[in-house]
Amino acid sequence: MIDLWIKALHVIAIISWMAGLLYLPRLFVYHVVEPVGSETSERFKIMERRLFRYIMRPAMIVAWIAGLWLAWSSFGFRGGWLHAKLLFVVLLTVHHEMQGRWLREFAEDRRAHSQRFFRAQNEIPTLLMIGIVIFVIVKPF
């Protein structure tokens, strides 16, 4: 029974984490065109920081802990599909950390990337999520 509660917690955390991973780059798209120091730019900084610190990071941690518990208790860390899924989750985590780096650049008023760059970055979590869902549901190997 505990595994069902942990699975529910895992799904809730994943939904929260993915929402942030998809929304933060969208904020960056709008933030990058605002003048440095403007009221709107400062508001974006607050929104981005709060999203990352209070939603994305905790959700990622809970997703990892619950997911590793389930991988151990349900599958004994066995299965090619599980290893592929974990690889994609690691890549998703790397992308999460890249978003954190871009957030720090905005906080320091550094604008190293364009709107187009951030629009493209918005697609990476989607592609990784599609792969993860296929590995978990279809278990192709």
N, C-alpha and C. Protein backbone atom coordinates (compact mmCIF):
# COMPACT_ATOMS: atom_id res chain seq x y z
N MET A 1 0.82 -1.20 0.00
CA MET A 1 0.00 0.00 0.00
C MET A 1 0.86 1.26 0.00
N ILE A 2 2.00 1.21 0.69
CA ILE A 2 2.87 2.40 0.76
C ILE A 2 3.39 2.77 -0.63
N ASP A 3 3.64 1.76 -1.47
CA ASP A 3 4.12 2.05 -2.82
C ASP A 3 3.10 2.85 -3.63
N LEU A 4 1.81 2.61 -3.41
CA LEU A 4 0.79 3.38 -4.12
C LEU A 4 0.82 4.85 -3.69
N TRP A 5 1.01 5.11 -2.40
CA TRP A 5 1.12 6.48 -1.91
C TRP A 5 2.38 7.15 -2.46
N ILE A 6 3.46 6.39 -2.50
CA ILE A 6 4.71 6.95 -3.03
C ILE A 6 4.58 7.20 -4.53
N LYS A 7 3.89 6.31 -5.23
CA LYS A 7 3.66 6.52 -6.66
C LYS A 7 2.81 7.77 -6.89
N ALA A 8 1.78 7.97 -6.08
CA ALA A 8 0.95 9.17 -6.19
C ALA A 8 1.80 10.43 -5.94
N LEU A 9 2.63 10.38 -4.90
CA LEU A 9 3.51 11.51 -4.60
C LEU A 9 4.47 11.76 -5.77
N HIS A 10 4.99 10.70 -6.35
CA HIS A 10 5.91 10.80 -7.49
C HIS A 10 5.22 11.50 -8.67
N VAL A 11 4.00 11.10 -8.99
CA VAL A 11 3.28 11.70 -10.11
C VAL A 11 2.98 13.17 -9.83
N ILE A 12 2.57 13.49 -8.62
CA ILE A 12 2.31 14.89 -8.25
C ILE A 12 3.58 15.72 -8.40
N ALA A 13 4.70 15.19 -7.93
CA ALA A 13 5.97 15.91 -8.03
C ALA A 13 6.39 16.09 -9.48
N ILE A 14 6.21 15.07 -10.29
CA ILE A 14 6.57 15.15 -11.71
C ILE A 14 5.73 16.22 -12.41
N ILE A 15 4.44 16.24 -12.14
CA ILE A 15 3.57 17.24 -12.77
C ILE A 15 4.03 18.64 -12.37
N SER A 16 4.33 18.85 -11.11
CA SER A 16 4.79 20.16 -10.63
C SER A 16 6.12 20.54 -11.25
N TRP A 17 7.05 19.60 -11.29
CA TRP A 17 8.37 19.86 -11.86
C TRP A 17 8.26 20.19 -13.34
N MET A 18 7.49 19.39 -14.08
CA MET A 18 7.34 19.63 -15.52
C MET A 18 6.68 20.97 -15.78
N ALA A 19 5.69 21.33 -14.98
CA ALA A 19 5.05 22.63 -15.17
C ALA A 19 6.09 23.75 -15.08
N GLY A 20 6.97 23.66 -14.09
CA GLY A 20 8.02 24.66 -13.95
C GLY A 20 9.02 24.63 -15.09
N LEU A 21 9.42 23.41 -15.50
CA LEU A 21 10.39 23.28 -16.59
C LEU A 21 9.85 23.85 -17.90
N LEU A 22 8.55 23.81 -18.06
CA LEU A 22 7.94 24.36 -19.27
C LEU A 22 7.64 25.85 -19.15
N TYR A 23 7.37 26.31 -17.95
CA TYR A 23 6.99 27.71 -17.76
C TYR A 23 8.19 28.65 -17.63
N LEU A 24 9.25 28.22 -16.95
CA LEU A 24 10.39 29.11 -16.73
C LEU A 24 11.01 29.61 -18.03
N PRO A 25 11.26 28.76 -19.02
CA PRO A 25 11.80 29.31 -20.28
C PRO A 25 10.85 30.30 -20.95
N ARG A 26 9.56 30.11 -20.76
CA ARG A 26 8.58 31.05 -21.32
C ARG A 26 8.73 32.40 -20.63
N LEU A 27 8.96 32.40 -19.32
CA LEU A 27 9.23 33.66 -18.62
C LEU A 27 10.50 34.31 -19.17
N PHE A 28 11.52 33.49 -19.43
CA PHE A 28 12.77 34.01 -19.98
C PHE A 28 12.53 34.66 -21.35
N VAL A 29 11.65 34.06 -22.17
CA VAL A 29 11.34 34.61 -23.49
C VAL A 29 10.84 36.05 -23.36
N TYR A 30 9.97 36.28 -22.39
CA TYR A 30 9.42 37.62 -22.20
C TYR A 30 10.38 38.54 -21.46
N HIS A 31 11.17 37.96 -20.54
CA HIS A 31 12.09 38.75 -19.73
C HIS A 31 13.22 39.34 -20.57
N VAL A 32 13.72 38.57 -21.52
CA VAL A 32 14.92 38.96 -22.26
C VAL A 32 14.70 40.24 -23.07
N VAL A 33 13.48 40.58 -23.41
CA VAL A 33 13.23 41.79 -24.20
C VAL A 33 12.95 43.02 -23.33
N GLU A 34 12.83 42.82 -22.03
CA GLU A 34 12.58 43.96 -21.14
C GLU A 34 13.88 44.69 -20.84
N PRO A 35 13.84 46.01 -20.76
CA PRO A 35 15.06 46.76 -20.43
C PRO A 35 15.58 46.40 -19.04
N VAL A 36 16.90 46.28 -18.94
CA VAL A 36 17.54 45.99 -17.65
C VAL A 36 17.16 47.08 -16.66
N GLY A 37 16.75 46.65 -15.46
CA GLY A 37 16.41 47.60 -14.41
C GLY A 37 14.98 48.09 -14.44
N SER A 38 14.24 47.75 -15.49
CA SER A 38 12.84 48.20 -15.57
C SER A 38 12.01 47.49 -14.50
N GLU A 39 10.88 48.07 -14.22
CA GLU A 39 9.98 47.47 -13.22
C GLU A 39 9.55 46.06 -13.65
N THR A 40 9.26 45.92 -14.93
CA THR A 40 8.85 44.61 -15.45
C THR A 40 9.98 43.59 -15.34
N SER A 41 11.20 43.99 -15.66
CA SER A 41 12.35 43.08 -15.54
C SER A 41 12.53 42.63 -14.09
N GLU A 42 12.39 43.55 -13.17
CA GLU A 42 12.54 43.21 -11.75
C GLU A 42 11.43 42.27 -11.29
N ARG A 43 10.22 42.47 -11.81
CA ARG A 43 9.11 41.57 -11.48
C ARG A 43 9.37 40.17 -12.02
N PHE A 44 9.89 40.09 -13.26
CA PHE A 44 10.23 38.78 -13.82
C PHE A 44 11.26 38.07 -12.94
N LYS A 45 12.24 38.80 -12.44
CA LYS A 45 13.27 38.19 -11.58
C LYS A 45 12.64 37.52 -10.37
N ILE A 46 11.69 38.21 -9.76
CA ILE A 46 11.01 37.66 -8.58
C ILE A 46 10.21 36.41 -8.96
N MET A 47 9.46 36.50 -10.04
CA MET A 47 8.65 35.37 -10.49
C MET A 47 9.53 34.16 -10.80
N GLU A 48 10.61 34.38 -11.52
CA GLU A 48 11.50 33.29 -11.90
C GLU A 48 12.15 32.65 -10.68
N ARG A 49 12.63 33.48 -9.78
CA ARG A 49 13.29 32.96 -8.59
C ARG A 49 12.33 32.13 -7.73
N ARG A 50 11.14 32.65 -7.53
CA ARG A 50 10.16 31.93 -6.70
C ARG A 50 9.74 30.62 -7.35
N LEU A 51 9.51 30.64 -8.66
CA LEU A 51 9.14 29.41 -9.37
C LEU A 51 10.23 28.36 -9.21
N PHE A 52 11.48 28.76 -9.42
CA PHE A 52 12.59 27.82 -9.36
C PHE A 52 12.81 27.31 -7.93
N ARG A 53 12.85 28.23 -6.98
CA ARG A 53 13.21 27.88 -5.60
C ARG A 53 12.10 27.16 -4.85
N TYR A 54 10.86 27.59 -5.04
CA TYR A 54 9.77 27.08 -4.21
C TYR A 54 8.89 26.02 -4.88
N ILE A 55 9.00 25.88 -6.18
CA ILE A 55 8.20 24.85 -6.86
C ILE A 55 9.10 23.84 -7.57
N MET A 56 9.96 24.32 -8.46
CA MET A 56 10.74 23.41 -9.29
C MET A 56 11.74 22.58 -8.50
N ARG A 57 12.55 23.23 -7.70
CA ARG A 57 13.59 22.49 -6.97
C ARG A 57 12.98 21.47 -6.00
N PRO A 58 12.02 21.86 -5.13
CA PRO A 58 11.43 20.86 -4.25
C PRO A 58 10.74 19.73 -5.00
N ALA A 59 10.03 20.06 -6.09
CA ALA A 59 9.35 19.03 -6.87
C ALA A 59 10.36 18.06 -7.48
N MET A 60 11.48 18.58 -7.97
CA MET A 60 12.51 17.71 -8.54
C MET A 60 13.06 16.76 -7.47
N ILE A 61 13.33 17.28 -6.30
CA ILE A 61 13.88 16.45 -5.22
C ILE A 61 12.90 15.35 -4.82
N VAL A 62 11.64 15.72 -4.65
CA VAL A 62 10.62 14.73 -4.29
C VAL A 62 10.46 13.70 -5.40
N ALA A 63 10.47 14.15 -6.65
CA ALA A 63 10.35 13.21 -7.79
C ALA A 63 11.50 12.22 -7.79
N TRP A 64 12.71 12.69 -7.56
CA TRP A 64 13.87 11.81 -7.54
C TRP A 64 13.79 10.80 -6.39
N ILE A 65 13.48 11.29 -5.19
CA ILE A 65 13.42 10.39 -4.03
C ILE A 65 12.34 9.34 -4.21
N ALA A 66 11.13 9.78 -4.56
CA ALA A 66 10.03 8.84 -4.75
C ALA A 66 10.31 7.89 -5.91
N GLY A 67 10.88 8.42 -7.00
CA GLY A 67 11.18 7.59 -8.16
C GLY A 67 12.23 6.53 -7.87
N LEU A 68 13.27 6.91 -7.14
CA LEU A 68 14.30 5.93 -6.78
C LEU A 68 13.73 4.87 -5.84
N TRP A 69 12.87 5.28 -4.92
CA TRP A 69 12.21 4.32 -4.04
C TRP A 69 11.42 3.30 -4.87
N LEU A 70 10.64 3.79 -5.81
CA LEU A 70 9.82 2.91 -6.64
C LEU A 70 10.69 2.01 -7.54
N ALA A 71 11.77 2.57 -8.08
CA ALA A 71 12.67 1.77 -8.93
C ALA A 71 13.27 0.62 -8.13
N TRP A 72 13.55 0.88 -6.87
CA TRP A 72 14.13 -0.15 -6.00
C TRP A 72 13.06 -1.14 -5.53
N SER A 73 11.96 -0.61 -4.99
CA SER A 73 10.96 -1.49 -4.37
C SER A 73 10.15 -2.29 -5.40
N SER A 74 9.91 -1.71 -6.55
CA SER A 74 9.08 -2.38 -7.55
C SER A 74 9.86 -3.16 -8.59
N PHE A 75 11.07 -2.69 -8.92
CA PHE A 75 11.79 -3.29 -10.03
C PHE A 75 13.21 -3.73 -9.69
N GLY A 76 13.66 -3.45 -8.47
CA GLY A 76 15.02 -3.81 -8.09
C GLY A 76 16.06 -3.18 -8.99
N PHE A 77 15.76 -2.02 -9.52
CA PHE A 77 16.63 -1.30 -10.46
C PHE A 77 16.96 -2.13 -11.70
N ARG A 78 16.07 -3.05 -12.08
CA ARG A 78 16.30 -3.89 -13.26
C ARG A 78 15.36 -3.49 -14.39
N GLY A 79 15.83 -3.66 -15.60
CA GLY A 79 15.03 -3.41 -16.79
C GLY A 79 15.66 -2.36 -17.67
N GLY A 80 15.85 -2.70 -18.94
CA GLY A 80 16.43 -1.75 -19.88
C GLY A 80 15.61 -0.48 -19.99
N TRP A 81 14.28 -0.62 -19.97
CA TRP A 81 13.41 0.55 -20.04
C TRP A 81 13.66 1.47 -18.85
N LEU A 82 13.89 0.89 -17.67
CA LEU A 82 14.12 1.69 -16.47
C LEU A 82 15.44 2.45 -16.58
N HIS A 83 16.46 1.79 -17.08
CA HIS A 83 17.75 2.46 -17.25
C HIS A 83 17.66 3.60 -18.27
N ALA A 84 16.91 3.36 -19.36
CA ALA A 84 16.71 4.42 -20.36
C ALA A 84 15.93 5.59 -19.75
N LYS A 85 14.89 5.25 -18.99
CA LYS A 85 14.10 6.30 -18.33
C LYS A 85 14.99 7.12 -17.40
N LEU A 86 15.80 6.44 -16.60
CA LEU A 86 16.69 7.14 -15.67
C LEU A 86 17.68 8.04 -16.41
N LEU A 87 18.16 7.59 -17.56
CA LEU A 87 19.05 8.43 -18.37
C LEU A 87 18.32 9.71 -18.79
N PHE A 88 17.08 9.57 -19.23
CA PHE A 88 16.32 10.74 -19.64
C PHE A 88 16.03 11.65 -18.44
N VAL A 89 15.79 11.06 -17.27
CA VAL A 89 15.55 11.87 -16.08
C VAL A 89 16.83 12.62 -15.68
N VAL A 90 17.97 11.99 -15.85
CA VAL A 90 19.25 12.68 -15.60
C VAL A 90 19.39 13.86 -16.56
N LEU A 91 19.07 13.64 -17.83
CA LEU A 91 19.13 14.73 -18.81
C LEU A 91 18.15 15.85 -18.47
N LEU A 92 16.98 15.48 -17.98
CA LEU A 92 15.99 16.47 -17.55
C LEU A 92 16.53 17.27 -16.36
N THR A 93 17.24 16.60 -15.47
CA THR A 93 17.84 17.27 -14.31
C THR A 93 18.96 18.21 -14.75
N VAL A 94 19.75 17.80 -15.72
CA VAL A 94 20.79 18.68 -16.27
C VAL A 94 20.14 19.92 -16.87
N HIS A 95 19.05 19.73 -17.61
CA HIS A 95 18.34 20.87 -18.19
C HIS A 95 17.79 21.77 -17.09
N HIS A 96 17.29 21.18 -16.03
CA HIS A 96 16.80 21.95 -14.88
C HIS A 96 17.92 22.84 -14.34
N GLU A 97 19.09 22.27 -14.18
CA GLU A 97 20.23 23.04 -13.65
C GLU A 97 20.67 24.13 -14.62
N MET A 98 20.55 23.87 -15.92
CA MET A 98 20.85 24.92 -16.91
C MET A 98 19.86 26.07 -16.76
N GLN A 99 18.60 25.75 -16.54
CA GLN A 99 17.62 26.81 -16.31
C GLN A 99 17.99 27.62 -15.07
N GLY A 100 18.49 26.95 -14.05
CA GLY A 100 18.94 27.66 -12.85
C GLY A 100 20.10 28.60 -13.16
N ARG A 101 20.98 28.16 -14.04
CA ARG A 101 22.11 29.03 -14.45
C ARG A 101 21.60 30.26 -15.20
N TRP A 102 20.65 30.06 -16.11
CA TRP A 102 20.09 31.20 -16.84
C TRP A 102 19.36 32.14 -15.89
N LEU A 103 18.69 31.59 -14.89
CA LEU A 103 18.02 32.40 -13.89
C LEU A 103 19.02 33.30 -13.16
N ARG A 104 20.17 32.74 -12.80
CA ARG A 104 21.22 33.54 -12.13
C ARG A 104 21.76 34.63 -13.06
N GLU A 105 21.88 34.31 -14.36
CA GLU A 105 22.32 35.33 -15.31
C GLU A 105 21.32 36.48 -15.37
N PHE A 106 20.04 36.18 -15.42
CA PHE A 106 19.03 37.25 -15.40
C PHE A 106 19.09 38.04 -14.10
N ALA A 107 19.29 37.35 -12.98
CA ALA A 107 19.37 38.03 -11.68
C ALA A 107 20.51 39.03 -11.65
N GLU A 108 21.58 38.72 -12.41
CA GLU A 108 22.74 39.62 -12.48
C GLU A 108 22.65 40.56 -13.68
N ASP A 109 21.50 40.62 -14.31
CA ASP A 109 21.26 41.47 -15.48
C ASP A 109 22.18 41.15 -16.66
N ARG A 110 22.55 39.88 -16.78
CA ARG A 110 23.31 39.44 -17.95
C ARG A 110 22.33 38.79 -18.92
N ARG A 111 22.39 39.19 -20.16
CA ARG A 111 21.48 38.68 -21.20
C ARG A 111 22.32 38.02 -22.29
N ALA A 112 22.71 36.78 -22.05
CA ALA A 112 23.59 36.09 -22.98
C ALA A 112 22.84 35.40 -24.12
N HIS A 113 21.52 35.28 -24.00
CA HIS A 113 20.77 34.52 -25.00
C HIS A 113 19.57 35.31 -25.51
N SER A 114 19.06 34.89 -26.65
CA SER A 114 17.95 35.58 -27.31
C SER A 114 16.61 34.92 -26.99
N GLN A 115 15.56 35.59 -27.42
CA GLN A 115 14.22 35.00 -27.33
C GLN A 115 14.17 33.66 -28.05
N ARG A 116 14.76 33.63 -29.21
CA ARG A 116 14.75 32.40 -30.02
C ARG A 116 15.41 31.24 -29.27
N PHE A 117 16.54 31.53 -28.60
CA PHE A 117 17.23 30.51 -27.82
C PHE A 117 16.29 29.94 -26.75
N PHE A 118 15.61 30.82 -26.00
CA PHE A 118 14.74 30.35 -24.93
C PHE A 118 13.51 29.64 -25.45
N ARG A 119 13.03 30.04 -26.62
CA ARG A 119 11.91 29.30 -27.23
C ARG A 119 12.34 27.87 -27.55
N ALA A 120 13.54 27.71 -28.04
CA ALA A 120 14.06 26.36 -28.35
C ALA A 120 14.25 25.55 -27.07
N GLN A 121 14.72 26.20 -26.03
CA GLN A 121 14.95 25.51 -24.75
C GLN A 121 13.64 24.99 -24.15
N ASN A 122 12.57 25.63 -24.51
CA ASN A 122 11.26 25.22 -24.02
C ASN A 122 10.85 23.85 -24.55
N GLU A 123 11.45 23.42 -25.67
CA GLU A 123 11.08 22.15 -26.28
C GLU A 123 11.82 20.96 -25.66
N ILE A 124 12.97 21.19 -25.09
CA ILE A 124 13.78 20.08 -24.56
C ILE A 124 13.05 19.29 -23.47
N PRO A 125 12.48 19.93 -22.45
CA PRO A 125 11.76 19.13 -21.45
C PRO A 125 10.59 18.34 -22.05
N THR A 126 9.94 18.90 -23.05
CA THR A 126 8.82 18.20 -23.69
C THR A 126 9.30 16.92 -24.36
N LEU A 127 10.39 17.01 -25.11
CA LEU A 127 10.92 15.83 -25.79
C LEU A 127 11.38 14.76 -24.80
N LEU A 128 12.06 15.19 -23.74
CA LEU A 128 12.50 14.24 -22.72
C LEU A 128 11.31 13.60 -22.01
N MET A 129 10.28 14.38 -21.73
CA MET A 129 9.09 13.86 -21.08
C MET A 129 8.41 12.80 -21.96
N ILE A 130 8.33 13.06 -23.25
CA ILE A 130 7.72 12.09 -24.17
C ILE A 130 8.48 10.77 -24.09
N GLY A 131 9.81 10.84 -24.13
CA GLY A 131 10.61 9.62 -24.02
C GLY A 131 10.38 8.90 -22.70
N ILE A 132 10.35 9.65 -21.60
CA ILE A 132 10.15 9.05 -20.28
C ILE A 132 8.80 8.33 -20.22
N VAL A 133 7.76 8.99 -20.69
CA VAL A 133 6.42 8.38 -20.65
C VAL A 133 6.39 7.11 -21.49
N ILE A 134 7.00 7.13 -22.66
CA ILE A 134 7.04 5.92 -23.50
C ILE A 134 7.78 4.80 -22.80
N PHE A 135 8.92 5.10 -22.19
CA PHE A 135 9.67 4.06 -21.48
C PHE A 135 8.85 3.46 -20.33
N VAL A 136 8.14 4.30 -19.60
CA VAL A 136 7.39 3.81 -18.43
C VAL A 136 6.14 3.05 -18.84
N ILE A 137 5.41 3.53 -19.83
CA ILE A 137 4.15 2.90 -20.20
C ILE A 137 4.35 1.71 -21.15
N VAL A 138 5.13 1.91 -22.20
CA VAL A 138 5.30 0.87 -23.22
C VAL A 138 6.35 -0.16 -22.80
N LYS A 139 7.37 0.30 -22.07
CA LYS A 139 8.51 -0.57 -21.68
C LYS A 139 9.03 -1.33 -22.91
N PRO A 140 9.55 -0.57 -23.90
CA PRO A 140 9.92 -1.20 -25.17
C PRO A 140 11.08 -2.19 -25.09
N PHE A 141 11.82 -2.19 -24.01
CA PHE A 141 12.91 -3.17 -23.85
C PHE A 141 13.23 -3.35 -22.39
